[in-house]
């Protein structure tokens, strides 16, 4: 993504979190986050997570620097241990035919799912999956 459309988030004052994975801050217009270009921090106060290696670039970029920027958690330290063989990950589903207890966390540590369902629909994104003593990183695509 190289350009965030004008008005993309200006109608989302209740948004609490936004993850931006672009390593280079996308171009934004003054109306992308704030109506009429007004940078009132009380209007758009969502935490905007950006790549840790790009945080300084976002903090110095026009419009982005007005936002509550935080670094995305570093996933490189997660040791991938194989999940039980029965658990499979497809494009946008977690398949759990043995209905084992599974927990799914977002990259910022929020629990997204906990349960034993045989099939769980997942929105696109990167997640940490735990099952028993095994932990793995998973990417679900649209």
N, C-alpha and C. Protein backbone atom coordinates (compact mmCIF):
# COMPACT_ATOMS: atom_id res chain seq x y z
N UNK A 1 0.85 -1.17 0.00
CA UNK A 1 0.00 0.00 0.00
C UNK A 1 0.90 1.23 0.00
N UNK A 2 0.67 2.12 -0.93
CA UNK A 2 1.48 3.33 -1.00
C UNK A 2 0.66 4.59 -0.80
N UNK A 3 -0.66 4.46 -0.82
CA UNK A 3 -1.52 5.64 -0.70
C UNK A 3 -2.79 5.26 0.05
N UNK A 4 -3.08 5.98 1.10
CA UNK A 4 -4.29 5.77 1.87
C UNK A 4 -5.28 6.84 1.43
N UNK A 5 -6.40 6.42 0.91
CA UNK A 5 -7.36 7.35 0.35
C UNK A 5 -7.83 8.42 1.32
N UNK A 6 -8.13 9.60 0.78
CA UNK A 6 -8.62 10.70 1.58
C UNK A 6 -9.96 10.30 2.19
N UNK A 7 -10.10 10.49 3.48
CA UNK A 7 -11.34 10.15 4.17
C UNK A 7 -11.43 8.69 4.60
N UNK A 8 -10.35 7.92 4.44
CA UNK A 8 -10.37 6.48 4.71
C UNK A 8 -10.86 6.16 6.12
N UNK A 9 -10.42 6.91 7.13
CA UNK A 9 -10.78 6.61 8.51
C UNK A 9 -11.40 7.80 9.24
N UNK A 10 -11.73 8.85 8.53
CA UNK A 10 -12.26 10.04 9.21
C UNK A 10 -13.67 9.82 9.75
N UNK A 11 -14.35 8.79 9.31
CA UNK A 11 -15.69 8.49 9.83
C UNK A 11 -15.66 7.34 10.83
N UNK A 12 -14.49 7.11 11.43
CA UNK A 12 -14.33 5.98 12.35
C UNK A 12 -13.85 6.44 13.73
N UNK A 13 -14.54 7.38 14.38
CA UNK A 13 -14.04 7.88 15.66
C UNK A 13 -14.05 6.82 16.76
N UNK A 14 -14.80 5.73 16.58
CA UNK A 14 -14.86 4.67 17.60
C UNK A 14 -13.79 3.60 17.39
N UNK A 15 -13.03 3.69 16.31
CA UNK A 15 -11.97 2.71 16.05
C UNK A 15 -10.94 2.77 17.17
N UNK A 16 -10.59 1.62 17.73
CA UNK A 16 -9.66 1.57 18.87
C UNK A 16 -8.26 1.17 18.47
N UNK A 17 -8.12 0.42 17.37
CA UNK A 17 -6.81 -0.08 16.97
C UNK A 17 -6.76 -0.21 15.46
N UNK A 18 -5.61 0.13 14.89
CA UNK A 18 -5.39 0.00 13.46
C UNK A 18 -3.98 -0.55 13.27
N UNK A 19 -3.85 -1.65 12.55
CA UNK A 19 -2.53 -2.22 12.26
C UNK A 19 -2.17 -1.85 10.83
N UNK A 20 -1.00 -1.23 10.65
CA UNK A 20 -0.50 -0.86 9.33
C UNK A 20 0.82 -1.60 9.16
N UNK A 21 0.90 -2.46 8.16
CA UNK A 21 2.09 -3.29 7.97
C UNK A 21 3.05 -2.72 6.92
N UNK A 22 2.69 -1.62 6.29
CA UNK A 22 3.54 -1.04 5.26
C UNK A 22 4.85 -0.55 5.87
N UNK A 23 6.00 -0.98 5.33
CA UNK A 23 7.28 -0.55 5.88
C UNK A 23 7.57 0.93 5.63
N UNK A 24 6.97 1.48 4.60
CA UNK A 24 7.12 2.91 4.29
C UNK A 24 5.76 3.55 4.53
N UNK A 25 5.72 4.65 5.31
CA UNK A 25 4.42 5.29 5.58
C UNK A 25 3.68 5.63 4.29
N UNK A 26 2.48 5.11 4.12
CA UNK A 26 1.71 5.45 2.92
C UNK A 26 1.37 6.94 2.88
N UNK A 27 1.18 7.45 1.69
CA UNK A 27 0.76 8.83 1.52
C UNK A 27 -0.65 8.98 2.08
N UNK A 28 -0.89 10.02 2.82
CA UNK A 28 -2.22 10.28 3.36
C UNK A 28 -2.55 11.75 3.17
N UNK A 29 -3.82 12.00 3.03
CA UNK A 29 -4.28 13.38 2.95
C UNK A 29 -4.75 13.83 4.32
N UNK A 30 -4.92 15.13 4.52
CA UNK A 30 -5.35 15.63 5.82
C UNK A 30 -6.70 15.08 6.27
N UNK A 31 -7.55 14.65 5.35
CA UNK A 31 -8.85 14.12 5.71
C UNK A 31 -8.88 12.61 5.88
N UNK A 32 -7.71 11.95 5.85
CA UNK A 32 -7.68 10.49 5.97
C UNK A 32 -8.10 10.00 7.36
N UNK A 33 -7.74 10.75 8.39
CA UNK A 33 -8.05 10.35 9.76
C UNK A 33 -8.94 11.35 10.48
N UNK A 34 -8.88 12.59 10.08
CA UNK A 34 -9.60 13.65 10.79
C UNK A 34 -10.51 14.38 9.80
N UNK A 35 -11.77 14.63 10.18
CA UNK A 35 -12.66 15.33 9.25
C UNK A 35 -12.15 16.74 8.96
N UNK A 36 -12.23 17.10 7.71
CA UNK A 36 -11.85 18.44 7.27
C UNK A 36 -10.39 18.77 7.58
N UNK A 37 -9.57 17.74 7.78
CA UNK A 37 -8.15 17.98 8.04
C UNK A 37 -7.85 18.48 9.43
N UNK A 38 -8.84 18.52 10.33
CA UNK A 38 -8.65 18.98 11.69
C UNK A 38 -7.96 17.88 12.48
N UNK A 39 -6.74 18.12 12.95
CA UNK A 39 -5.99 17.08 13.66
C UNK A 39 -6.30 17.08 15.15
N UNK A 40 -7.57 17.06 15.47
CA UNK A 40 -8.02 16.99 16.86
C UNK A 40 -7.80 15.56 17.35
N UNK A 41 -6.82 15.37 18.23
CA UNK A 41 -6.47 14.04 18.69
C UNK A 41 -7.60 13.36 19.44
N UNK A 42 -8.56 14.13 19.96
CA UNK A 42 -9.68 13.52 20.65
C UNK A 42 -10.64 12.85 19.67
N UNK A 43 -10.60 13.25 18.42
CA UNK A 43 -11.51 12.68 17.44
C UNK A 43 -11.04 11.29 17.01
N UNK A 44 -9.79 11.16 16.60
CA UNK A 44 -9.24 9.87 16.18
C UNK A 44 -8.12 9.53 17.15
N UNK A 45 -8.45 8.72 18.15
CA UNK A 45 -7.44 8.40 19.16
C UNK A 45 -7.09 6.92 19.19
N UNK A 46 -7.37 6.22 18.09
CA UNK A 46 -7.02 4.81 18.01
C UNK A 46 -5.50 4.64 18.09
N UNK A 47 -5.09 3.52 18.65
CA UNK A 47 -3.67 3.18 18.62
C UNK A 47 -3.38 2.65 17.22
N UNK A 48 -2.37 3.21 16.58
CA UNK A 48 -2.00 2.79 15.24
C UNK A 48 -0.67 2.05 15.34
N UNK A 49 -0.72 0.74 15.09
CA UNK A 49 0.47 -0.09 15.17
C UNK A 49 1.14 -0.13 13.80
N UNK A 50 2.45 0.13 13.79
CA UNK A 50 3.24 0.13 12.57
C UNK A 50 4.48 -0.75 12.79
N UNK A 51 5.16 -1.16 11.71
CA UNK A 51 6.35 -1.98 11.90
C UNK A 51 7.37 -1.28 12.81
N UNK A 52 7.94 -2.03 13.74
CA UNK A 52 8.90 -1.46 14.69
C UNK A 52 10.07 -0.80 13.98
N UNK A 53 10.52 -1.40 12.89
CA UNK A 53 11.66 -0.85 12.15
C UNK A 53 11.32 0.44 11.42
N UNK A 54 10.03 0.75 11.30
CA UNK A 54 9.60 1.95 10.58
C UNK A 54 8.98 2.99 11.50
N UNK A 55 8.94 2.73 12.80
CA UNK A 55 8.25 3.63 13.73
C UNK A 55 8.75 5.06 13.60
N UNK A 56 10.05 5.26 13.55
CA UNK A 56 10.60 6.63 13.45
C UNK A 56 10.18 7.31 12.15
N UNK A 57 10.08 6.53 11.07
CA UNK A 57 9.63 7.11 9.79
C UNK A 57 8.19 7.59 9.90
N UNK A 58 7.34 6.80 10.55
CA UNK A 58 5.94 7.19 10.74
C UNK A 58 5.85 8.40 11.68
N UNK A 59 6.69 8.43 12.71
CA UNK A 59 6.65 9.54 13.67
C UNK A 59 7.09 10.86 13.07
N UNK A 60 7.78 10.80 11.95
CA UNK A 60 8.20 12.05 11.31
C UNK A 60 7.42 12.36 10.04
N UNK A 61 6.51 11.47 9.65
CA UNK A 61 5.73 11.68 8.43
C UNK A 61 4.51 12.55 8.70
N UNK A 62 4.24 13.46 7.77
CA UNK A 62 3.06 14.32 7.90
C UNK A 62 1.81 13.47 8.13
N UNK A 63 0.92 13.96 8.91
CA UNK A 63 -0.35 13.35 9.33
C UNK A 63 -0.09 12.16 10.25
N UNK A 64 0.73 11.21 9.86
CA UNK A 64 1.02 10.05 10.72
C UNK A 64 1.53 10.49 12.08
N UNK A 65 2.37 11.52 12.09
CA UNK A 65 2.98 11.96 13.36
C UNK A 65 1.94 12.52 14.33
N UNK A 66 0.73 12.80 13.85
CA UNK A 66 -0.34 13.30 14.71
C UNK A 66 -1.10 12.17 15.42
N UNK A 67 -0.80 10.93 15.04
CA UNK A 67 -1.54 9.77 15.55
C UNK A 67 -0.83 9.13 16.74
N UNK A 68 -1.55 8.29 17.46
CA UNK A 68 -1.01 7.54 18.59
C UNK A 68 -0.30 6.30 18.03
N UNK A 69 0.96 6.45 17.65
CA UNK A 69 1.72 5.39 17.00
C UNK A 69 2.41 4.48 18.00
N UNK A 70 2.36 3.19 17.74
CA UNK A 70 3.05 2.18 18.55
C UNK A 70 3.67 1.18 17.60
N UNK A 71 4.74 0.52 18.05
CA UNK A 71 5.40 -0.49 17.23
C UNK A 71 4.63 -1.80 17.31
N UNK A 72 4.47 -2.46 16.15
CA UNK A 72 3.91 -3.80 16.13
C UNK A 72 4.85 -4.72 16.90
N UNK A 73 4.32 -5.67 17.64
CA UNK A 73 5.20 -6.60 18.36
C UNK A 73 6.08 -7.38 17.39
N UNK A 74 7.29 -7.64 17.83
CA UNK A 74 8.25 -8.39 17.02
C UNK A 74 7.91 -9.87 17.12
N UNK A 75 7.56 -10.46 16.00
CA UNK A 75 7.18 -11.87 15.97
C UNK A 75 8.38 -12.77 15.70
N UNK A 76 9.55 -12.21 15.45
CA UNK A 76 10.70 -13.03 15.08
C UNK A 76 11.18 -13.92 16.21
N UNK A 77 10.89 -13.57 17.46
CA UNK A 77 11.35 -14.37 18.58
C UNK A 77 10.46 -15.55 18.91
N UNK A 78 9.34 -15.69 18.21
CA UNK A 78 8.46 -16.81 18.49
C UNK A 78 9.04 -18.06 17.86
N UNK A 79 9.33 -19.01 18.70
CA UNK A 79 9.85 -20.28 18.22
C UNK A 79 8.68 -21.10 17.71
N UNK A 80 8.78 -21.50 16.46
CA UNK A 80 7.69 -22.27 15.90
C UNK A 80 7.83 -23.73 16.29
N UNK A 81 6.88 -24.21 17.03
CA UNK A 81 6.80 -25.61 17.42
C UNK A 81 5.61 -26.16 16.69
N UNK A 82 5.76 -27.33 16.13
CA UNK A 82 4.65 -27.87 15.35
C UNK A 82 3.42 -28.10 16.21
N UNK A 83 2.31 -27.65 15.68
CA UNK A 83 1.03 -27.92 16.31
C UNK A 83 0.70 -29.40 16.10
N UNK A 84 -0.21 -29.94 16.86
CA UNK A 84 -0.60 -31.33 16.61
C UNK A 84 -0.96 -31.52 15.14
N UNK A 85 -0.61 -32.70 14.58
CA UNK A 85 -0.79 -32.93 13.15
C UNK A 85 -2.22 -32.74 12.67
N UNK A 86 -3.17 -32.97 13.54
CA UNK A 86 -4.56 -32.86 13.11
C UNK A 86 -4.97 -31.42 12.84
N UNK A 87 -4.29 -30.45 13.42
CA UNK A 87 -4.65 -29.04 13.21
C UNK A 87 -4.04 -28.56 11.90
N UNK A 88 -4.89 -28.02 11.06
CA UNK A 88 -4.43 -27.51 9.76
C UNK A 88 -4.87 -26.05 9.63
N UNK A 89 -4.10 -25.31 8.88
CA UNK A 89 -4.42 -23.91 8.60
C UNK A 89 -4.63 -23.79 7.11
N UNK A 90 -5.78 -23.29 6.71
CA UNK A 90 -6.03 -23.05 5.30
C UNK A 90 -6.01 -21.55 5.08
N UNK A 91 -6.35 -21.10 3.90
CA UNK A 91 -6.31 -19.68 3.59
C UNK A 91 -6.92 -18.80 4.65
N UNK A 92 -8.12 -19.14 5.13
CA UNK A 92 -8.76 -18.32 6.14
C UNK A 92 -9.48 -19.13 7.21
N UNK A 93 -9.06 -20.39 7.38
CA UNK A 93 -9.69 -21.23 8.38
C UNK A 93 -8.64 -21.98 9.21
N UNK A 94 -8.99 -22.19 10.47
CA UNK A 94 -8.24 -23.07 11.34
C UNK A 94 -9.09 -24.34 11.44
N UNK A 95 -8.53 -25.47 11.01
CA UNK A 95 -9.25 -26.73 11.00
C UNK A 95 -8.75 -27.55 12.18
N UNK A 96 -9.66 -27.94 13.07
CA UNK A 96 -9.34 -28.63 14.32
C UNK A 96 -10.25 -29.86 14.46
N UNK A 97 -10.01 -30.92 13.63
CA UNK A 97 -10.95 -32.05 13.61
C UNK A 97 -11.05 -32.82 14.93
N UNK A 98 -10.00 -32.80 15.75
CA UNK A 98 -10.06 -33.50 17.04
C UNK A 98 -10.67 -32.62 18.13
N UNK A 99 -11.03 -31.40 17.76
CA UNK A 99 -11.63 -30.43 18.69
C UNK A 99 -10.79 -30.26 19.95
N UNK A 100 -9.48 -30.06 19.74
CA UNK A 100 -8.55 -29.79 20.82
C UNK A 100 -8.74 -28.35 21.30
N UNK A 101 -8.33 -28.05 22.52
CA UNK A 101 -8.40 -26.68 23.05
C UNK A 101 -7.35 -25.84 22.33
N UNK A 102 -7.79 -24.80 21.66
CA UNK A 102 -6.91 -23.93 20.87
C UNK A 102 -7.15 -22.49 21.28
N UNK A 103 -6.06 -21.72 21.36
CA UNK A 103 -6.15 -20.28 21.61
C UNK A 103 -5.47 -19.56 20.46
N UNK A 104 -6.10 -18.47 20.02
CA UNK A 104 -5.54 -17.66 18.94
C UNK A 104 -5.40 -16.24 19.45
N UNK A 105 -4.19 -15.66 19.28
CA UNK A 105 -3.90 -14.31 19.74
C UNK A 105 -3.48 -13.43 18.57
N UNK A 106 -3.83 -12.15 18.64
CA UNK A 106 -3.34 -11.19 17.66
C UNK A 106 -1.87 -10.90 17.99
N UNK A 107 -1.19 -10.24 17.09
CA UNK A 107 0.24 -9.96 17.30
C UNK A 107 0.48 -9.00 18.45
N UNK A 108 -0.56 -8.29 18.90
CA UNK A 108 -0.38 -7.39 20.04
C UNK A 108 -0.86 -8.04 21.34
N UNK A 109 -1.11 -9.36 21.31
CA UNK A 109 -1.40 -10.11 22.52
C UNK A 109 -2.86 -10.23 22.91
N UNK A 110 -3.78 -9.71 22.10
CA UNK A 110 -5.21 -9.83 22.42
C UNK A 110 -5.71 -11.22 22.01
N UNK A 111 -6.45 -11.87 22.91
CA UNK A 111 -7.01 -13.18 22.59
C UNK A 111 -8.15 -12.98 21.61
N UNK A 112 -8.04 -13.63 20.46
CA UNK A 112 -9.04 -13.53 19.40
C UNK A 112 -10.04 -14.68 19.50
N UNK A 113 -9.53 -15.86 19.90
CA UNK A 113 -10.39 -17.03 19.96
C UNK A 113 -9.84 -18.00 21.00
N UNK A 114 -10.73 -18.66 21.67
CA UNK A 114 -10.38 -19.74 22.59
C UNK A 114 -11.52 -20.74 22.54
N UNK A 115 -11.22 -22.00 22.21
CA UNK A 115 -12.27 -22.98 22.16
C UNK A 115 -11.85 -24.26 21.49
N UNK A 116 -12.85 -25.06 21.16
CA UNK A 116 -12.60 -26.39 20.60
C UNK A 116 -13.38 -26.62 19.30
N UNK A 117 -13.82 -25.57 18.66
CA UNK A 117 -14.59 -25.74 17.42
C UNK A 117 -13.75 -26.46 16.37
N UNK A 118 -14.42 -27.25 15.54
CA UNK A 118 -13.73 -28.00 14.49
C UNK A 118 -13.24 -27.08 13.37
N UNK A 119 -13.97 -26.01 13.10
CA UNK A 119 -13.58 -25.06 12.05
C UNK A 119 -13.78 -23.65 12.57
N UNK A 120 -12.74 -22.83 12.47
CA UNK A 120 -12.82 -21.45 12.92
C UNK A 120 -12.45 -20.54 11.75
N UNK A 121 -13.37 -19.66 11.36
CA UNK A 121 -13.10 -18.68 10.31
C UNK A 121 -12.23 -17.58 10.89
N UNK A 122 -11.15 -17.23 10.21
CA UNK A 122 -10.22 -16.21 10.70
C UNK A 122 -10.13 -15.07 9.70
N UNK A 123 -10.16 -13.81 10.19
CA UNK A 123 -9.92 -12.69 9.29
C UNK A 123 -8.45 -12.70 8.87
N UNK A 124 -8.18 -12.12 7.73
CA UNK A 124 -6.80 -12.06 7.24
C UNK A 124 -5.91 -11.39 8.28
N UNK A 125 -4.72 -11.91 8.47
CA UNK A 125 -3.78 -11.32 9.42
C UNK A 125 -2.79 -12.34 9.94
N UNK A 126 -1.91 -11.89 10.81
CA UNK A 126 -0.89 -12.73 11.43
C UNK A 126 -1.30 -12.97 12.87
N UNK A 127 -1.21 -14.22 13.30
CA UNK A 127 -1.67 -14.61 14.62
C UNK A 127 -0.68 -15.56 15.29
N UNK A 128 -0.82 -15.70 16.59
CA UNK A 128 -0.10 -16.69 17.36
C UNK A 128 -1.13 -17.72 17.80
N UNK A 129 -0.85 -18.99 17.52
CA UNK A 129 -1.77 -20.06 17.86
C UNK A 129 -1.12 -20.95 18.91
N UNK A 130 -1.90 -21.25 19.96
CA UNK A 130 -1.42 -22.13 21.02
C UNK A 130 -2.34 -23.33 21.13
N UNK A 131 -1.72 -24.49 21.28
CA UNK A 131 -2.47 -25.73 21.49
C UNK A 131 -1.60 -26.60 22.38
N UNK A 132 -2.03 -26.83 23.61
CA UNK A 132 -1.21 -27.58 24.56
C UNK A 132 0.08 -26.82 24.83
N UNK A 133 1.21 -27.48 24.65
CA UNK A 133 2.53 -26.85 24.85
C UNK A 133 3.10 -26.27 23.56
N UNK A 134 2.37 -26.37 22.47
CA UNK A 134 2.87 -25.90 21.18
C UNK A 134 2.38 -24.48 20.89
N UNK A 135 3.27 -23.68 20.33
CA UNK A 135 2.94 -22.32 19.91
C UNK A 135 3.47 -22.14 18.49
N UNK A 136 2.66 -21.55 17.63
CA UNK A 136 3.08 -21.34 16.25
C UNK A 136 2.56 -20.00 15.76
N UNK A 137 3.26 -19.45 14.80
CA UNK A 137 2.83 -18.23 14.13
C UNK A 137 2.06 -18.65 12.89
N UNK A 138 0.94 -18.01 12.62
CA UNK A 138 0.14 -18.35 11.45
C UNK A 138 -0.29 -17.09 10.74
N UNK A 139 -0.32 -17.19 9.41
CA UNK A 139 -0.79 -16.09 8.58
C UNK A 139 -2.01 -16.58 7.82
N UNK A 140 -3.12 -15.89 8.02
CA UNK A 140 -4.34 -16.21 7.29
C UNK A 140 -4.52 -15.16 6.22
N UNK A 141 -4.88 -15.61 5.03
CA UNK A 141 -5.03 -14.71 3.88
C UNK A 141 -6.50 -14.71 3.47
N UNK A 142 -6.88 -13.67 2.75
CA UNK A 142 -8.27 -13.55 2.24
C UNK A 142 -8.54 -14.63 1.23
